[in-house]
């Protein structure tokens, strides 16, 4: 059974989608959710879904081995950042090489980097009159949003659309593709995923 750990900072819609996707799987399961926000809605979602969830502070994450030791105990095959906003420490990345991935709500390398998350991204896309946007699933390295791209899916941006409407389109792409890409990365997929950009 492949083991997945999720890091989240906010509402946890992607985390819940992944948990539900794998909850009846014989091949993979989400074993732990971790958040840097003690008030994050993802904690409520995990309580309902009966998934272990813990919050931590910056010292536990990057100045000590507290979070690293939790990961060592869980021995994840894949660590997923789903709306997690802190930069991942190099010493954790070094211990879990090529096992940490992130989902970003834009077509990287556009609209990536520190401060580019959530509605900040969608507002920038609309302000710059982009014709398209999308999601990028990529490996995590020591720099924000610069790891190798695994998968991208696109959607059209209409001139009349607001940032909120673009956000809704991105959410649909996340819900559809993120679990399928994770499943393929874990090597547990039953069907071929229609990758638009495939570096596996």
N, C-alpha and C. Protein backbone atom coordinates (compact mmCIF):
# COMPACT_ATOMS: atom_id res chain seq x y z
N UNK A 1 0.84 -1.21 0.00
CA UNK A 1 0.00 0.00 0.00
C UNK A 1 0.87 1.25 0.00
N UNK A 2 0.72 2.09 -1.02
CA UNK A 2 1.48 3.33 -1.11
C UNK A 2 0.90 4.35 -0.10
N UNK A 3 1.81 5.13 0.50
CA UNK A 3 1.42 6.04 1.57
C UNK A 3 1.63 7.50 1.13
N UNK A 4 0.63 8.33 1.40
CA UNK A 4 0.65 9.73 0.98
C UNK A 4 0.48 10.63 2.19
N UNK A 5 1.29 11.69 2.25
CA UNK A 5 1.15 12.74 3.25
C UNK A 5 0.86 14.04 2.52
N UNK A 6 -0.12 14.80 3.03
CA UNK A 6 -0.51 16.06 2.40
C UNK A 6 -0.20 17.22 3.32
N UNK A 7 0.36 18.29 2.76
CA UNK A 7 0.54 19.56 3.47
C UNK A 7 -0.45 20.57 2.88
N UNK A 8 -1.17 21.27 3.75
CA UNK A 8 -2.14 22.27 3.30
C UNK A 8 -2.09 23.46 4.25
N UNK A 9 -2.58 24.61 3.76
CA UNK A 9 -2.59 25.81 4.60
C UNK A 9 -3.99 26.40 4.81
N UNK A 10 -4.95 25.98 3.98
CA UNK A 10 -6.23 26.66 3.99
C UNK A 10 -7.43 25.75 4.08
N UNK A 11 -8.35 25.90 3.11
CA UNK A 11 -9.63 25.20 3.20
C UNK A 11 -9.50 23.70 3.03
N UNK A 12 -8.53 23.27 2.24
CA UNK A 12 -8.30 21.83 2.10
C UNK A 12 -9.19 21.13 1.10
N UNK A 13 -9.71 21.85 0.10
CA UNK A 13 -10.57 21.20 -0.89
C UNK A 13 -9.79 20.17 -1.72
N UNK A 14 -8.56 20.50 -2.08
CA UNK A 14 -7.74 19.53 -2.82
C UNK A 14 -7.37 18.35 -1.94
N UNK A 15 -7.08 18.62 -0.67
CA UNK A 15 -6.76 17.53 0.25
C UNK A 15 -7.94 16.58 0.39
N UNK A 16 -9.14 17.13 0.58
CA UNK A 16 -10.33 16.28 0.70
C UNK A 16 -10.57 15.48 -0.57
N UNK A 17 -10.38 16.11 -1.71
CA UNK A 17 -10.56 15.41 -2.99
C UNK A 17 -9.62 14.22 -3.10
N UNK A 18 -8.37 14.41 -2.68
CA UNK A 18 -7.39 13.32 -2.73
C UNK A 18 -7.73 12.22 -1.73
N UNK A 19 -8.12 12.62 -0.53
CA UNK A 19 -8.49 11.64 0.49
C UNK A 19 -9.65 10.77 0.01
N UNK A 20 -10.68 11.42 -0.51
CA UNK A 20 -11.85 10.67 -0.98
C UNK A 20 -11.52 9.79 -2.18
N UNK A 21 -10.64 10.28 -3.05
CA UNK A 21 -10.26 9.52 -4.24
C UNK A 21 -9.62 8.19 -3.85
N UNK A 22 -8.78 8.21 -2.80
CA UNK A 22 -8.03 7.01 -2.42
C UNK A 22 -8.63 6.24 -1.25
N UNK A 23 -9.76 6.70 -0.70
CA UNK A 23 -10.23 6.09 0.54
C UNK A 23 -10.67 4.63 0.38
N UNK A 24 -11.08 4.25 -0.81
CA UNK A 24 -11.47 2.85 -1.04
C UNK A 24 -10.46 2.10 -1.91
N UNK A 25 -9.27 2.68 -2.05
CA UNK A 25 -8.24 2.06 -2.88
C UNK A 25 -7.51 0.96 -2.13
N UNK A 26 -7.15 -0.08 -2.85
CA UNK A 26 -6.33 -1.15 -2.27
C UNK A 26 -4.85 -0.89 -2.49
N UNK A 27 -4.53 0.23 -3.17
CA UNK A 27 -3.15 0.47 -3.58
C UNK A 27 -2.49 1.68 -2.91
N UNK A 28 -3.30 2.65 -2.48
CA UNK A 28 -2.73 3.87 -1.90
C UNK A 28 -3.73 4.50 -0.93
N UNK A 29 -3.20 5.24 0.04
CA UNK A 29 -4.08 5.96 0.97
C UNK A 29 -3.36 7.18 1.52
N UNK A 30 -4.13 8.19 1.89
CA UNK A 30 -3.61 9.36 2.58
C UNK A 30 -3.53 9.01 4.06
N UNK A 31 -2.32 9.03 4.62
CA UNK A 31 -2.13 8.58 6.00
C UNK A 31 -1.98 9.73 6.98
N UNK A 32 -1.69 10.94 6.48
CA UNK A 32 -1.45 12.08 7.37
C UNK A 32 -1.64 13.38 6.61
N UNK A 33 -2.26 14.35 7.29
CA UNK A 33 -2.35 15.71 6.78
C UNK A 33 -1.68 16.64 7.77
N UNK A 34 -0.87 17.55 7.28
CA UNK A 34 -0.14 18.50 8.12
C UNK A 34 -0.43 19.91 7.65
N UNK A 35 -0.59 20.84 8.58
CA UNK A 35 -0.86 22.22 8.22
C UNK A 35 -0.09 23.19 9.11
N UNK A 36 0.28 24.32 8.53
CA UNK A 36 0.95 25.38 9.28
C UNK A 36 -0.05 26.37 9.87
N UNK A 37 -1.33 26.10 9.69
CA UNK A 37 -2.39 27.01 10.15
C UNK A 37 -3.31 26.27 11.13
N UNK A 38 -3.23 26.57 12.42
CA UNK A 38 -4.06 25.86 13.41
C UNK A 38 -5.55 26.10 13.25
N UNK A 39 -5.92 27.10 12.44
CA UNK A 39 -7.34 27.40 12.21
C UNK A 39 -7.80 27.00 10.81
N UNK A 40 -6.97 26.28 10.09
CA UNK A 40 -7.29 25.90 8.71
C UNK A 40 -8.50 24.97 8.67
N UNK A 41 -9.34 25.20 7.69
CA UNK A 41 -10.54 24.38 7.53
C UNK A 41 -10.19 22.93 7.20
N UNK A 42 -8.99 22.71 6.67
CA UNK A 42 -8.59 21.35 6.34
C UNK A 42 -8.61 20.45 7.58
N UNK A 43 -8.39 21.02 8.76
CA UNK A 43 -8.43 20.23 9.99
C UNK A 43 -9.84 19.70 10.26
N UNK A 44 -10.84 20.53 9.99
CA UNK A 44 -12.23 20.10 10.15
C UNK A 44 -12.57 19.00 9.14
N UNK A 45 -12.13 19.20 7.91
CA UNK A 45 -12.39 18.19 6.88
C UNK A 45 -11.80 16.84 7.28
N UNK A 46 -10.57 16.86 7.80
CA UNK A 46 -9.90 15.61 8.18
C UNK A 46 -10.59 14.93 9.35
N UNK A 47 -11.12 15.71 10.26
CA UNK A 47 -11.84 15.14 11.40
C UNK A 47 -13.06 14.38 10.91
N UNK A 48 -13.79 14.97 9.97
CA UNK A 48 -14.97 14.30 9.40
C UNK A 48 -14.57 13.05 8.64
N UNK A 49 -13.45 13.13 7.92
CA UNK A 49 -12.98 12.02 7.09
C UNK A 49 -12.17 10.99 7.87
N UNK A 50 -11.96 11.26 9.17
CA UNK A 50 -11.21 10.35 10.04
C UNK A 50 -9.78 10.11 9.56
N UNK A 51 -9.13 11.23 9.18
CA UNK A 51 -7.73 11.21 8.77
C UNK A 51 -6.92 11.98 9.80
N UNK A 52 -5.80 11.43 10.23
CA UNK A 52 -4.94 12.12 11.19
C UNK A 52 -4.47 13.45 10.62
N UNK A 53 -4.64 14.53 11.40
CA UNK A 53 -4.23 15.86 10.96
C UNK A 53 -3.60 16.62 12.12
N UNK A 54 -2.47 17.26 11.84
CA UNK A 54 -1.74 17.99 12.88
C UNK A 54 -1.34 19.36 12.34
N UNK A 55 -1.28 20.34 13.23
CA UNK A 55 -0.75 21.65 12.86
C UNK A 55 0.62 21.83 13.49
N UNK A 56 1.44 22.69 12.87
CA UNK A 56 2.79 22.92 13.36
C UNK A 56 3.16 24.37 13.14
N UNK A 57 4.20 24.82 13.84
CA UNK A 57 4.67 26.20 13.66
C UNK A 57 5.97 26.20 12.86
N UNK A 58 6.47 27.40 12.61
CA UNK A 58 7.66 27.52 11.75
C UNK A 58 8.90 26.87 12.37
N UNK A 59 9.02 26.95 13.68
CA UNK A 59 10.18 26.32 14.34
C UNK A 59 10.16 24.82 14.13
N UNK A 60 8.99 24.20 14.33
CA UNK A 60 8.87 22.74 14.15
C UNK A 60 9.14 22.34 12.71
N UNK A 61 8.84 23.24 11.79
CA UNK A 61 8.97 22.93 10.36
C UNK A 61 10.39 23.10 9.85
N UNK A 62 10.99 24.25 10.13
CA UNK A 62 12.26 24.56 9.48
C UNK A 62 13.45 24.74 10.41
N UNK A 63 13.20 24.82 11.72
CA UNK A 63 14.29 25.05 12.66
C UNK A 63 14.59 23.85 13.55
N UNK A 64 13.77 22.82 13.43
CA UNK A 64 13.98 21.59 14.21
C UNK A 64 13.60 20.40 13.34
N UNK A 65 13.70 19.20 13.92
CA UNK A 65 13.34 17.99 13.17
C UNK A 65 11.94 17.50 13.49
N UNK A 66 11.10 18.31 14.12
CA UNK A 66 9.79 17.84 14.57
C UNK A 66 8.93 17.34 13.40
N UNK A 67 8.78 18.17 12.37
CA UNK A 67 7.98 17.76 11.22
C UNK A 67 8.68 16.65 10.45
N UNK A 68 9.98 16.76 10.31
CA UNK A 68 10.74 15.71 9.64
C UNK A 68 10.53 14.36 10.32
N UNK A 69 10.51 14.35 11.65
CA UNK A 69 10.33 13.09 12.38
C UNK A 69 8.93 12.51 12.17
N UNK A 70 7.93 13.38 12.02
CA UNK A 70 6.58 12.90 11.70
C UNK A 70 6.59 12.22 10.33
N UNK A 71 7.29 12.83 9.40
CA UNK A 71 7.40 12.23 8.07
C UNK A 71 8.15 10.90 8.13
N UNK A 72 9.20 10.85 8.92
CA UNK A 72 9.96 9.60 9.04
C UNK A 72 9.08 8.48 9.58
N UNK A 73 8.24 8.81 10.54
CA UNK A 73 7.33 7.81 11.11
C UNK A 73 6.34 7.32 10.07
N UNK A 74 5.83 8.24 9.25
CA UNK A 74 4.81 7.89 8.26
C UNK A 74 5.38 7.25 7.00
N UNK A 75 6.67 7.48 6.74
CA UNK A 75 7.35 6.89 5.57
C UNK A 75 6.53 7.04 4.28
N UNK A 76 6.25 8.29 3.87
CA UNK A 76 5.41 8.48 2.69
C UNK A 76 6.13 8.12 1.39
N UNK A 77 5.38 7.56 0.46
CA UNK A 77 5.87 7.34 -0.89
C UNK A 77 5.78 8.63 -1.69
N UNK A 78 4.87 9.54 -1.25
CA UNK A 78 4.69 10.82 -1.93
C UNK A 78 4.22 11.85 -0.91
N UNK A 79 4.82 13.04 -0.97
CA UNK A 79 4.41 14.18 -0.14
C UNK A 79 3.79 15.21 -1.08
N UNK A 80 2.56 15.61 -0.78
CA UNK A 80 1.82 16.49 -1.68
C UNK A 80 1.56 17.83 -1.00
N UNK A 81 1.95 18.90 -1.67
CA UNK A 81 1.63 20.24 -1.20
C UNK A 81 0.37 20.69 -1.94
N UNK A 82 -0.71 20.87 -1.18
CA UNK A 82 -2.00 21.22 -1.77
C UNK A 82 -2.48 22.52 -1.14
N UNK A 83 -2.05 23.65 -1.73
CA UNK A 83 -2.38 24.92 -1.13
C UNK A 83 -1.54 25.21 0.10
N UNK A 84 -0.32 24.71 0.09
CA UNK A 84 0.61 24.95 1.20
C UNK A 84 1.53 26.10 0.82
N UNK A 85 1.63 27.12 1.70
CA UNK A 85 2.23 28.39 1.29
C UNK A 85 3.68 28.61 1.72
N UNK A 86 4.20 27.79 2.62
CA UNK A 86 5.58 28.01 3.06
C UNK A 86 6.56 27.30 2.14
N UNK A 87 7.75 27.90 2.02
CA UNK A 87 8.82 27.23 1.27
C UNK A 87 9.28 25.99 2.02
N UNK A 88 9.47 24.91 1.29
CA UNK A 88 9.83 23.64 1.92
C UNK A 88 11.32 23.63 2.25
N UNK A 89 11.70 23.23 3.48
CA UNK A 89 13.12 23.23 3.88
C UNK A 89 13.94 22.24 3.06
N UNK A 90 15.15 22.64 2.75
CA UNK A 90 16.02 21.78 1.94
C UNK A 90 16.33 20.47 2.64
N UNK A 91 16.45 20.48 3.98
CA UNK A 91 16.84 19.24 4.66
C UNK A 91 15.71 18.19 4.59
N UNK A 92 14.46 18.64 4.47
CA UNK A 92 13.37 17.68 4.26
C UNK A 92 13.36 17.20 2.82
N UNK A 93 13.55 18.14 1.89
CA UNK A 93 13.62 17.75 0.47
C UNK A 93 14.74 16.75 0.22
N UNK A 94 15.88 16.94 0.88
CA UNK A 94 17.01 16.04 0.69
C UNK A 94 16.72 14.63 1.19
N UNK A 95 15.91 14.53 2.23
CA UNK A 95 15.58 13.20 2.77
C UNK A 95 14.51 12.50 1.93
N UNK A 96 13.69 13.28 1.25
CA UNK A 96 12.61 12.71 0.44
C UNK A 96 12.76 13.18 -1.01
N UNK A 97 13.89 12.83 -1.59
CA UNK A 97 14.21 13.27 -2.95
C UNK A 97 13.19 12.76 -3.97
N UNK A 98 12.73 13.66 -4.82
CA UNK A 98 11.77 13.33 -5.88
C UNK A 98 10.48 12.72 -5.35
N UNK A 99 10.15 13.07 -4.11
CA UNK A 99 8.91 12.57 -3.51
C UNK A 99 7.99 13.70 -3.06
N UNK A 100 8.35 14.95 -3.36
CA UNK A 100 7.55 16.09 -2.93
C UNK A 100 7.04 16.81 -4.18
N UNK A 101 5.69 16.94 -4.27
CA UNK A 101 5.10 17.63 -5.43
C UNK A 101 4.16 18.74 -4.96
N UNK A 102 3.90 19.66 -5.86
CA UNK A 102 3.02 20.80 -5.55
C UNK A 102 2.07 21.03 -6.72
N UNK A 103 0.90 21.59 -6.42
CA UNK A 103 -0.01 22.02 -7.47
C UNK A 103 -0.08 23.54 -7.43
N UNK A 104 0.07 24.16 -8.61
CA UNK A 104 0.07 25.63 -8.70
C UNK A 104 -1.03 26.07 -9.65
N UNK A 105 -1.79 27.13 -9.31
CA UNK A 105 -2.96 27.52 -10.11
C UNK A 105 -2.63 28.43 -11.29
N UNK A 106 -1.60 28.09 -12.04
CA UNK A 106 -1.23 28.84 -13.24
C UNK A 106 -0.33 27.95 -14.09
N UNK A 107 -0.06 28.42 -15.30
CA UNK A 107 0.81 27.67 -16.21
C UNK A 107 2.25 28.14 -16.01
N UNK A 108 2.93 27.51 -15.08
CA UNK A 108 4.32 27.87 -14.82
C UNK A 108 5.13 27.71 -16.10
N UNK A 109 6.16 28.54 -16.32
CA UNK A 109 6.77 29.45 -15.35
C UNK A 109 6.04 30.78 -15.15
N UNK A 110 4.92 31.01 -15.84
CA UNK A 110 4.17 32.24 -15.63
C UNK A 110 3.51 32.23 -14.26
N UNK A 111 3.48 33.38 -13.64
CA UNK A 111 2.73 33.61 -12.40
C UNK A 111 3.14 32.67 -11.27
N UNK A 112 4.44 32.45 -11.17
CA UNK A 112 4.98 31.67 -10.06
C UNK A 112 5.83 32.54 -9.17
N UNK A 113 6.31 31.96 -8.08
CA UNK A 113 7.19 32.67 -7.16
C UNK A 113 6.50 33.09 -5.88
N UNK A 114 7.27 33.67 -5.00
CA UNK A 114 6.76 34.07 -3.69
C UNK A 114 5.60 35.07 -3.84
N UNK A 115 4.55 34.83 -3.10
CA UNK A 115 3.40 35.72 -3.12
C UNK A 115 2.39 35.42 -4.21
N UNK A 116 2.75 34.54 -5.13
CA UNK A 116 1.83 34.20 -6.22
C UNK A 116 1.09 32.92 -5.86
N UNK A 117 -0.08 33.10 -5.26
CA UNK A 117 -0.92 31.97 -4.88
C UNK A 117 -2.37 32.42 -4.88
N UNK A 118 -3.27 31.46 -5.04
CA UNK A 118 -4.70 31.73 -4.94
C UNK A 118 -5.16 32.88 -5.83
N UNK A 119 -5.96 33.77 -5.23
CA UNK A 119 -6.55 34.87 -5.98
C UNK A 119 -5.51 35.86 -6.49
N UNK A 120 -4.34 35.92 -5.87
CA UNK A 120 -3.27 36.79 -6.37
C UNK A 120 -2.92 36.40 -7.81
N UNK A 121 -2.88 35.08 -8.05
CA UNK A 121 -2.56 34.58 -9.39
C UNK A 121 -3.68 34.93 -10.36
N UNK A 122 -4.91 34.63 -9.99
CA UNK A 122 -6.04 34.83 -10.91
C UNK A 122 -6.24 36.31 -11.24
N UNK A 123 -6.05 37.18 -10.27
CA UNK A 123 -6.17 38.62 -10.52
C UNK A 123 -5.09 39.09 -11.49
N UNK A 124 -3.88 38.55 -11.35
CA UNK A 124 -2.79 38.91 -12.27
C UNK A 124 -3.07 38.42 -13.68
N UNK A 125 -3.61 37.20 -13.78
CA UNK A 125 -3.95 36.63 -15.09
C UNK A 125 -4.97 37.51 -15.80
N UNK A 126 -6.02 37.92 -15.07
CA UNK A 126 -7.07 38.76 -15.65
C UNK A 126 -6.53 40.15 -15.99
N UNK A 127 -5.74 40.73 -15.08
CA UNK A 127 -5.19 42.07 -15.30
C UNK A 127 -4.30 42.13 -16.54
N UNK A 128 -3.59 41.03 -16.80
CA UNK A 128 -2.68 40.98 -17.95
C UNK A 128 -3.36 40.48 -19.22
N UNK A 129 -4.68 40.29 -19.13
CA UNK A 129 -5.48 39.90 -20.30
C UNK A 129 -4.95 38.62 -20.98
N UNK A 130 -4.60 37.65 -20.16
CA UNK A 130 -4.14 36.38 -20.71
C UNK A 130 -5.29 35.68 -21.43
N UNK A 131 -4.98 34.98 -22.51
CA UNK A 131 -5.99 34.23 -23.25
C UNK A 131 -6.24 32.86 -22.66
N UNK A 132 -5.29 32.37 -21.87
CA UNK A 132 -5.43 31.06 -21.25
C UNK A 132 -4.68 31.02 -19.93
N UNK A 133 -5.08 30.10 -19.09
CA UNK A 133 -4.39 29.83 -17.83
C UNK A 133 -4.56 28.35 -17.55
N UNK A 134 -4.25 27.91 -16.35
CA UNK A 134 -4.39 26.48 -16.07
C UNK A 134 -3.75 26.09 -14.76
N UNK A 135 -3.43 24.81 -14.66
CA UNK A 135 -2.77 24.29 -13.46
C UNK A 135 -1.44 23.65 -13.85
N UNK A 136 -0.53 23.67 -12.91
CA UNK A 136 0.76 22.99 -13.09
C UNK A 136 1.02 22.13 -11.86
N UNK A 137 1.30 20.87 -12.10
CA UNK A 137 1.75 19.98 -11.03
C UNK A 137 3.23 19.74 -11.26
N UNK A 138 4.04 19.99 -10.24
CA UNK A 138 5.50 19.95 -10.43
C UNK A 138 6.20 19.43 -9.18
N UNK A 139 7.40 18.96 -9.39
CA UNK A 139 8.24 18.57 -8.25
C UNK A 139 8.68 19.83 -7.50
N UNK A 140 8.92 19.69 -6.22
CA UNK A 140 9.33 20.81 -5.38
C UNK A 140 10.84 20.80 -5.20
N UNK A 141 11.46 21.96 -5.42
CA UNK A 141 12.88 22.11 -5.09
C UNK A 141 13.05 23.27 -4.12
N UNK A 142 14.26 23.79 -4.01
CA UNK A 142 14.54 24.80 -2.98
C UNK A 142 13.98 26.17 -3.33
N UNK A 143 13.48 26.37 -4.55
CA UNK A 143 12.92 27.66 -4.95
C UNK A 143 11.42 27.54 -5.23
N UNK A 144 10.70 28.61 -4.94
CA UNK A 144 9.26 28.62 -5.19
C UNK A 144 8.95 28.32 -6.66
N UNK A 145 8.15 27.27 -6.90
CA UNK A 145 7.55 27.01 -8.21
C UNK A 145 8.56 26.81 -9.33
N UNK A 146 9.75 26.32 -9.01
CA UNK A 146 10.77 26.14 -10.04
C UNK A 146 11.14 24.70 -10.30
N UNK A 147 10.51 23.75 -9.62
CA UNK A 147 10.82 22.34 -9.82
C UNK A 147 10.32 21.83 -11.15
N UNK A 148 10.81 20.68 -11.58
CA UNK A 148 10.47 20.10 -12.88
C UNK A 148 8.96 19.90 -13.00
N UNK A 149 8.43 20.30 -14.14
CA UNK A 149 6.98 20.19 -14.39
C UNK A 149 6.62 18.74 -14.73
N UNK A 150 5.57 18.24 -14.08
CA UNK A 150 5.06 16.90 -14.32
C UNK A 150 3.88 16.94 -15.28
N UNK A 151 2.98 17.90 -15.06
CA UNK A 151 1.72 17.92 -15.81
C UNK A 151 1.15 19.33 -15.83
N UNK A 152 0.54 19.69 -16.96
CA UNK A 152 -0.20 20.94 -17.05
C UNK A 152 -1.52 20.71 -17.78
N UNK A 153 -2.55 21.39 -17.33
CA UNK A 153 -3.84 21.39 -18.03
C UNK A 153 -4.27 22.84 -18.19
N UNK A 154 -4.86 23.16 -19.35
CA UNK A 154 -5.18 24.55 -19.67
C UNK A 154 -6.68 24.79 -19.74
N UNK A 155 -7.05 26.05 -19.58
CA UNK A 155 -8.42 26.49 -19.84
C UNK A 155 -8.38 27.89 -20.44
N UNK A 156 -9.41 28.23 -21.17
CA UNK A 156 -9.51 29.54 -21.81
C UNK A 156 -9.89 30.61 -20.79
N UNK A 157 -9.36 31.81 -20.99
CA UNK A 157 -9.77 32.97 -20.19
C UNK A 157 -10.47 33.94 -21.13
N UNK A 158 -11.75 34.17 -20.89
CA UNK A 158 -12.52 35.08 -21.74
C UNK A 158 -12.34 36.52 -21.28
N UNK A 159 -12.37 37.48 -22.19
CA UNK A 159 -12.17 38.89 -21.83
C UNK A 159 -13.17 39.40 -20.79
N UNK A 160 -14.35 38.81 -20.76
CA UNK A 160 -15.40 39.28 -19.83
C UNK A 160 -15.31 38.63 -18.45
N UNK A 161 -14.39 37.66 -18.28
CA UNK A 161 -14.37 36.90 -17.03
C UNK A 161 -13.64 37.63 -15.91
N UNK A 162 -14.15 37.46 -14.71
CA UNK A 162 -13.53 38.02 -13.51
C UNK A 162 -12.51 37.03 -12.95
N UNK A 163 -11.72 37.51 -11.99
CA UNK A 163 -10.76 36.63 -11.33
C UNK A 163 -11.47 35.49 -10.62
N UNK A 164 -12.64 35.77 -10.06
CA UNK A 164 -13.41 34.74 -9.36
C UNK A 164 -13.89 33.66 -10.33
N UNK A 165 -14.28 34.07 -11.53
CA UNK A 165 -14.71 33.09 -12.53
C UNK A 165 -13.54 32.25 -13.03
N UNK A 166 -12.39 32.88 -13.16
CA UNK A 166 -11.19 32.12 -13.53
C UNK A 166 -10.84 31.13 -12.43
N UNK A 167 -10.95 31.57 -11.19
CA UNK A 167 -10.66 30.69 -10.05
C UNK A 167 -11.55 29.45 -10.08
N UNK A 168 -12.81 29.63 -10.45
CA UNK A 168 -13.74 28.49 -10.51
C UNK A 168 -13.31 27.49 -11.58
N UNK A 169 -12.83 27.99 -12.71
CA UNK A 169 -12.34 27.11 -13.77
C UNK A 169 -11.11 26.33 -13.31
N UNK A 170 -10.22 27.02 -12.62
CA UNK A 170 -9.00 26.37 -12.11
C UNK A 170 -9.36 25.29 -11.10
N UNK A 171 -10.33 25.59 -10.26
CA UNK A 171 -10.77 24.61 -9.26
C UNK A 171 -11.27 23.34 -9.93
N UNK A 172 -12.00 23.49 -11.01
CA UNK A 172 -12.50 22.32 -11.75
C UNK A 172 -11.34 21.49 -12.30
N UNK A 173 -10.33 22.15 -12.83
CA UNK A 173 -9.16 21.43 -13.35
C UNK A 173 -8.45 20.67 -12.22
N UNK A 174 -8.30 21.34 -11.07
CA UNK A 174 -7.65 20.70 -9.93
C UNK A 174 -8.41 19.45 -9.50
N UNK A 175 -9.73 19.58 -9.37
CA UNK A 175 -10.54 18.45 -8.92
C UNK A 175 -10.46 17.28 -9.89
N UNK A 176 -10.42 17.58 -11.19
CA UNK A 176 -10.40 16.52 -12.20
C UNK A 176 -9.05 15.83 -12.31
N UNK A 177 -7.99 16.61 -12.37
CA UNK A 177 -6.70 16.04 -12.74
C UNK A 177 -5.76 15.67 -11.58
N UNK A 178 -5.84 16.39 -10.48
CA UNK A 178 -4.84 16.19 -9.42
C UNK A 178 -4.82 14.73 -8.92
N UNK A 179 -5.97 14.14 -8.59
CA UNK A 179 -5.93 12.75 -8.13
C UNK A 179 -5.38 11.78 -9.17
N UNK A 180 -5.70 12.03 -10.45
CA UNK A 180 -5.24 11.14 -11.51
C UNK A 180 -3.73 11.21 -11.68
N UNK A 181 -3.18 12.42 -11.57
CA UNK A 181 -1.73 12.57 -11.68
C UNK A 181 -1.03 11.92 -10.48
N UNK A 182 -1.58 12.12 -9.29
CA UNK A 182 -1.01 11.48 -8.10
C UNK A 182 -1.05 9.97 -8.24
N UNK A 183 -2.17 9.46 -8.72
CA UNK A 183 -2.31 8.01 -8.92
C UNK A 183 -1.24 7.48 -9.88
N UNK A 184 -0.99 8.23 -10.94
CA UNK A 184 0.03 7.79 -11.90
C UNK A 184 1.43 7.86 -11.28
N UNK A 185 1.70 8.92 -10.54
CA UNK A 185 3.01 9.04 -9.88
C UNK A 185 3.26 7.88 -8.91
N UNK A 186 2.20 7.43 -8.26
CA UNK A 186 2.31 6.32 -7.32
C UNK A 186 2.38 4.97 -8.02
N UNK A 187 2.12 4.99 -9.33
CA UNK A 187 2.16 3.75 -10.09
C UNK A 187 0.98 2.84 -9.82
N UNK A 188 -0.17 3.45 -9.45
CA UNK A 188 -1.33 2.63 -9.09
C UNK A 188 -2.50 2.83 -10.05
N UNK A 189 -2.27 3.57 -11.15
CA UNK A 189 -3.40 3.91 -12.02
C UNK A 189 -3.89 2.69 -12.79
N UNK A 190 -5.19 2.64 -12.99
CA UNK A 190 -5.80 1.56 -13.76
C UNK A 190 -5.94 1.96 -15.22
N UNK A 191 -6.10 3.27 -15.46
CA UNK A 191 -6.30 3.77 -16.82
C UNK A 191 -5.21 4.78 -17.15
N UNK A 192 -4.94 4.94 -18.42
CA UNK A 192 -3.95 5.91 -18.86
C UNK A 192 -4.46 7.33 -18.62
N UNK A 193 -3.65 8.16 -17.99
CA UNK A 193 -4.02 9.55 -17.75
C UNK A 193 -3.67 10.36 -18.99
N UNK A 194 -4.58 11.20 -19.47
CA UNK A 194 -4.29 11.98 -20.67
C UNK A 194 -3.38 13.17 -20.37
N UNK A 195 -2.12 12.90 -20.13
CA UNK A 195 -1.18 13.95 -19.77
C UNK A 195 -0.98 14.91 -20.93
N UNK A 196 -1.01 16.19 -20.63
CA UNK A 196 -0.70 17.21 -21.63
C UNK A 196 0.79 17.52 -21.65
N UNK A 197 1.42 17.34 -20.51
CA UNK A 197 2.87 17.47 -20.46
C UNK A 197 3.38 16.38 -19.53
N UNK A 198 4.08 15.43 -20.06
CA UNK A 198 4.40 14.23 -19.32
C UNK A 198 5.91 14.05 -19.24
N UNK A 199 6.46 14.21 -18.02
CA UNK A 199 7.90 14.04 -17.82
C UNK A 199 8.19 12.84 -16.94
N UNK A 200 7.23 11.95 -16.77
CA UNK A 200 7.43 10.80 -15.89
C UNK A 200 8.31 9.75 -16.57
